[in-house]
Structure formats: C-alpha cells, structure tokens
C-alpha cells in the first residue's frame, strides 16, 4: 500500500482540514465585518493561506518532516483554510 493512501495519511489530512476550515471561518468572519459588499474575508483568507503554504513547504522540506505532518499541514490545514471559501 502506498504511504499516501494509509489510514494515518487520511486521518492527518482530515484533522488538518478540520482545523483549517474552522480557522477560515473565524478569519473570514472577523475580516468581513467591514460591512461592504466586497468579499474581503475571502480575499484575506486566500492571500494568507497561499503565503502560509509557501512558508510551510519551505520549512517542512528543509527539515525533512514526516509525510503525515506534511499532509496534515499542507493539504489538510492550508487546503481546508483556503478551499472552504468556495462553499461560503
């Protein structure tokens, strides 16, 4: 079985995704309180999420982090953080 298809890999992505989705809801809600029609919350989440993904990848690759940690933080956390805006 491929390491990326292991139960631990799925659990890592799920936990990271849950945390990222909650973080997106909080950040988006706080920023969107401006009351304007422009979706500043979505913009803030996508910009900060992209920046965070770049920083995390640089850090995780340089430290040779465990695959499950990389999955949890990149696909899970950053993915959940930026993608939930599609459904909002």
C-alpha atoms as a PDB file:
ATOM      1  CA  UNK A   1       0.000   0.000   0.000  1.00  0.00           C
ATOM      2  CA  UNK A   2       1.277   3.462  -0.889  1.00  0.00           C
ATOM      3  CA  UNK A   3       2.224   5.549   2.179  1.00  0.00           C
ATOM      4  CA  UNK A   4      -0.020   8.358   0.940  1.00  0.00           C
ATOM      5  CA  UNK A   5      -3.030   6.029   0.975  1.00  0.00           C
ATOM      6  CA  UNK A   6      -2.553   4.785   4.517  1.00  0.00           C
ATOM      7  CA  UNK A   7      -5.196   5.290   7.207  1.00  0.00           C
ATOM      8  CA  UNK A   8      -2.780   7.597   9.061  1.00  0.00           C
ATOM      9  CA  UNK A   9      -2.412   9.750   5.945  1.00  0.00           C
ATOM     10  CA  UNK A  10      -6.194  10.106   5.632  1.00  0.00           C
ATOM     11  CA  UNK A  11      -6.506  10.916   9.329  1.00  0.00           C
ATOM     12  CA  UNK A  12      -3.736  13.531   9.061  1.00  0.00           C
ATOM     13  CA  UNK A  13      -5.481  15.283   6.173  1.00  0.00           C
ATOM     14  CA  UNK A  14      -8.859  15.105   7.944  1.00  0.00           C
ATOM     15  CA  UNK A  15      -7.572  16.627  11.180  1.00  0.00           C
ATOM     16  CA  UNK A  16      -5.648  19.338   9.340  1.00  0.00           C
ATOM     17  CA  UNK A  17      -8.652  20.046   7.123  1.00  0.00           C
ATOM     18  CA  UNK A  18     -10.989  20.401  10.083  1.00  0.00           C
ATOM     19  CA  UNK A  19      -8.626  22.853  11.787  1.00  0.00           C
ATOM     20  CA  UNK A  20      -8.145  24.812   8.551  1.00  0.00           C
ATOM     21  CA  UNK A  21     -11.880  25.072   7.922  1.00  0.00           C
ATOM     22  CA  UNK A  22     -12.536  26.389  11.412  1.00  0.00           C
ATOM     23  CA  UNK A  23      -9.666  28.869  11.074  1.00  0.00           C
ATOM     24  CA  UNK A  24     -11.076  30.032   7.736  1.00  0.00           C
ATOM     25  CA  UNK A  25     -14.498  30.592   9.249  1.00  0.00           C
ATOM     26  CA  UNK A  26     -13.050  32.646  12.096  1.00  0.00           C
ATOM     27  CA  UNK A  27     -10.670  34.750   9.984  1.00  0.00           C
ATOM     28  CA  UNK A  28     -13.222  35.270   7.218  1.00  0.00           C
ATOM     29  CA  UNK A  29     -15.914  36.306   9.676  1.00  0.00           C
ATOM     30  CA  UNK A  30     -13.681  38.772  11.507  1.00  0.00           C
ATOM     31  CA  UNK A  31     -12.374  40.397   8.322  1.00  0.00           C
ATOM     32  CA  UNK A  32     -15.783  40.510   6.629  1.00  0.00           C
ATOM     33  CA  UNK A  33     -17.258  42.644   9.400  1.00  0.00           C
ATOM     34  CA  UNK A  34     -16.393  45.677   7.275  1.00  0.00           C
ATOM     35  CA  UNK A  35     -19.982  45.610   6.038  1.00  0.00           C
ATOM     36  CA  UNK A  36     -19.091  46.251   2.401  1.00  0.00           C
ATOM     37  CA  UNK A  37     -20.267  44.109  -0.472  1.00  0.00           C
ATOM     38  CA  UNK A  38     -16.740  43.099  -1.485  1.00  0.00           C
ATOM     39  CA  UNK A  39     -15.665  39.716  -0.045  1.00  0.00           C
ATOM     40  CA  UNK A  40     -12.632  40.968   1.894  1.00  0.00           C
ATOM     41  CA  UNK A  41     -12.808  37.912   4.165  1.00  0.00           C
ATOM     42  CA  UNK A  42     -12.313  35.539   1.243  1.00  0.00           C
ATOM     43  CA  UNK A  43      -9.511  37.683  -0.142  1.00  0.00           C
ATOM     44  CA  UNK A  44      -7.715  37.775   3.213  1.00  0.00           C
ATOM     45  CA  UNK A  45      -8.036  34.024   3.696  1.00  0.00           C
ATOM     46  CA  UNK A  46      -6.769  33.171   0.217  1.00  0.00           C
ATOM     47  CA  UNK A  47      -3.802  35.555   0.404  1.00  0.00           C
ATOM     48  CA  UNK A  48      -2.760  34.467   3.893  1.00  0.00           C
ATOM     49  CA  UNK A  49      -3.354  30.801   3.060  1.00  0.00           C
ATOM     50  CA  UNK A  50      -1.144  30.961  -0.015  1.00  0.00           C
ATOM     51  CA  UNK A  51       1.594  32.716   1.936  1.00  0.00           C
ATOM     52  CA  UNK A  52       1.282  30.190   4.761  1.00  0.00           C
ATOM     53  CA  UNK A  53       1.525  27.268   2.307  1.00  0.00           C
ATOM     54  CA  UNK A  54       4.722  28.672   0.814  1.00  0.00           C
ATOM     55  CA  UNK A  55       6.311  29.158   4.234  1.00  0.00           C
ATOM     56  CA  UNK A  56       5.262  25.720   5.438  1.00  0.00           C
ATOM     57  CA  UNK A  57       6.605  23.957   2.364  1.00  0.00           C
ATOM     58  CA  UNK A  58       9.960  25.688   2.681  1.00  0.00           C
ATOM     59  CA  UNK A  59      10.148  24.805   6.373  1.00  0.00           C
ATOM     60  CA  UNK A  60       8.895  21.207   6.076  1.00  0.00           C
ATOM     61  CA  UNK A  61      11.106  20.281   3.127  1.00  0.00           C
ATOM     62  CA  UNK A  62      14.193  21.810   4.737  1.00  0.00           C
ATOM     63  CA  UNK A  63      13.553  19.815   7.923  1.00  0.00           C
ATOM     64  CA  UNK A  64      12.633  16.575   6.098  1.00  0.00           C
ATOM     65  CA  UNK A  65       9.373  16.423   8.070  1.00  0.00           C
ATOM     66  CA  UNK A  66       7.369  13.228   8.266  1.00  0.00           C
ATOM     67  CA  UNK A  67       4.970  12.676   5.347  1.00  0.00           C
ATOM     68  CA  UNK A  68       1.952  12.675   7.664  1.00  0.00           C
ATOM     69  CA  UNK A  69       2.937  16.068   9.102  1.00  0.00           C
ATOM     70  CA  UNK A  70       3.362  17.495   5.601  1.00  0.00           C
ATOM     71  CA  UNK A  71      -0.039  16.120   4.599  1.00  0.00           C
ATOM     72  CA  UNK A  72      -1.726  17.496   7.719  1.00  0.00           C
ATOM     73  CA  UNK A  73      -0.278  20.988   7.389  1.00  0.00           C
ATOM     74  CA  UNK A  74      -0.287  21.490   3.616  1.00  0.00           C
ATOM     75  CA  UNK A  75      -3.195  19.559   2.119  1.00  0.00           C
ATOM     76  CA  UNK A  76      -5.212  19.458   5.332  1.00  0.00           C
ATOM     77  CA  UNK A  77      -4.694  22.777   7.114  1.00  0.00           C
ATOM     78  CA  UNK A  78      -3.924  25.040   4.150  1.00  0.00           C
ATOM     79  CA  UNK A  79      -6.364  23.233   1.883  1.00  0.00           C
ATOM     80  CA  UNK A  80      -9.189  23.439   4.395  1.00  0.00           C
ATOM     81  CA  UNK A  81      -8.310  27.043   5.182  1.00  0.00           C
ATOM     82  CA  UNK A  82      -8.415  28.270   1.578  1.00  0.00           C
ATOM     83  CA  UNK A  83     -10.928  25.941  -0.072  1.00  0.00           C
ATOM     84  CA  UNK A  84     -13.853  26.348   2.292  1.00  0.00           C
ATOM     85  CA  UNK A  85     -14.357  29.816   0.800  1.00  0.00           C
ATOM     86  CA  UNK A  86     -15.674  28.098  -2.321  1.00  0.00           C
ATOM     87  CA  UNK A  87     -18.714  26.872  -0.360  1.00  0.00           C
ATOM     88  CA  UNK A  88     -19.298  30.040   1.657  1.00  0.00           C
END
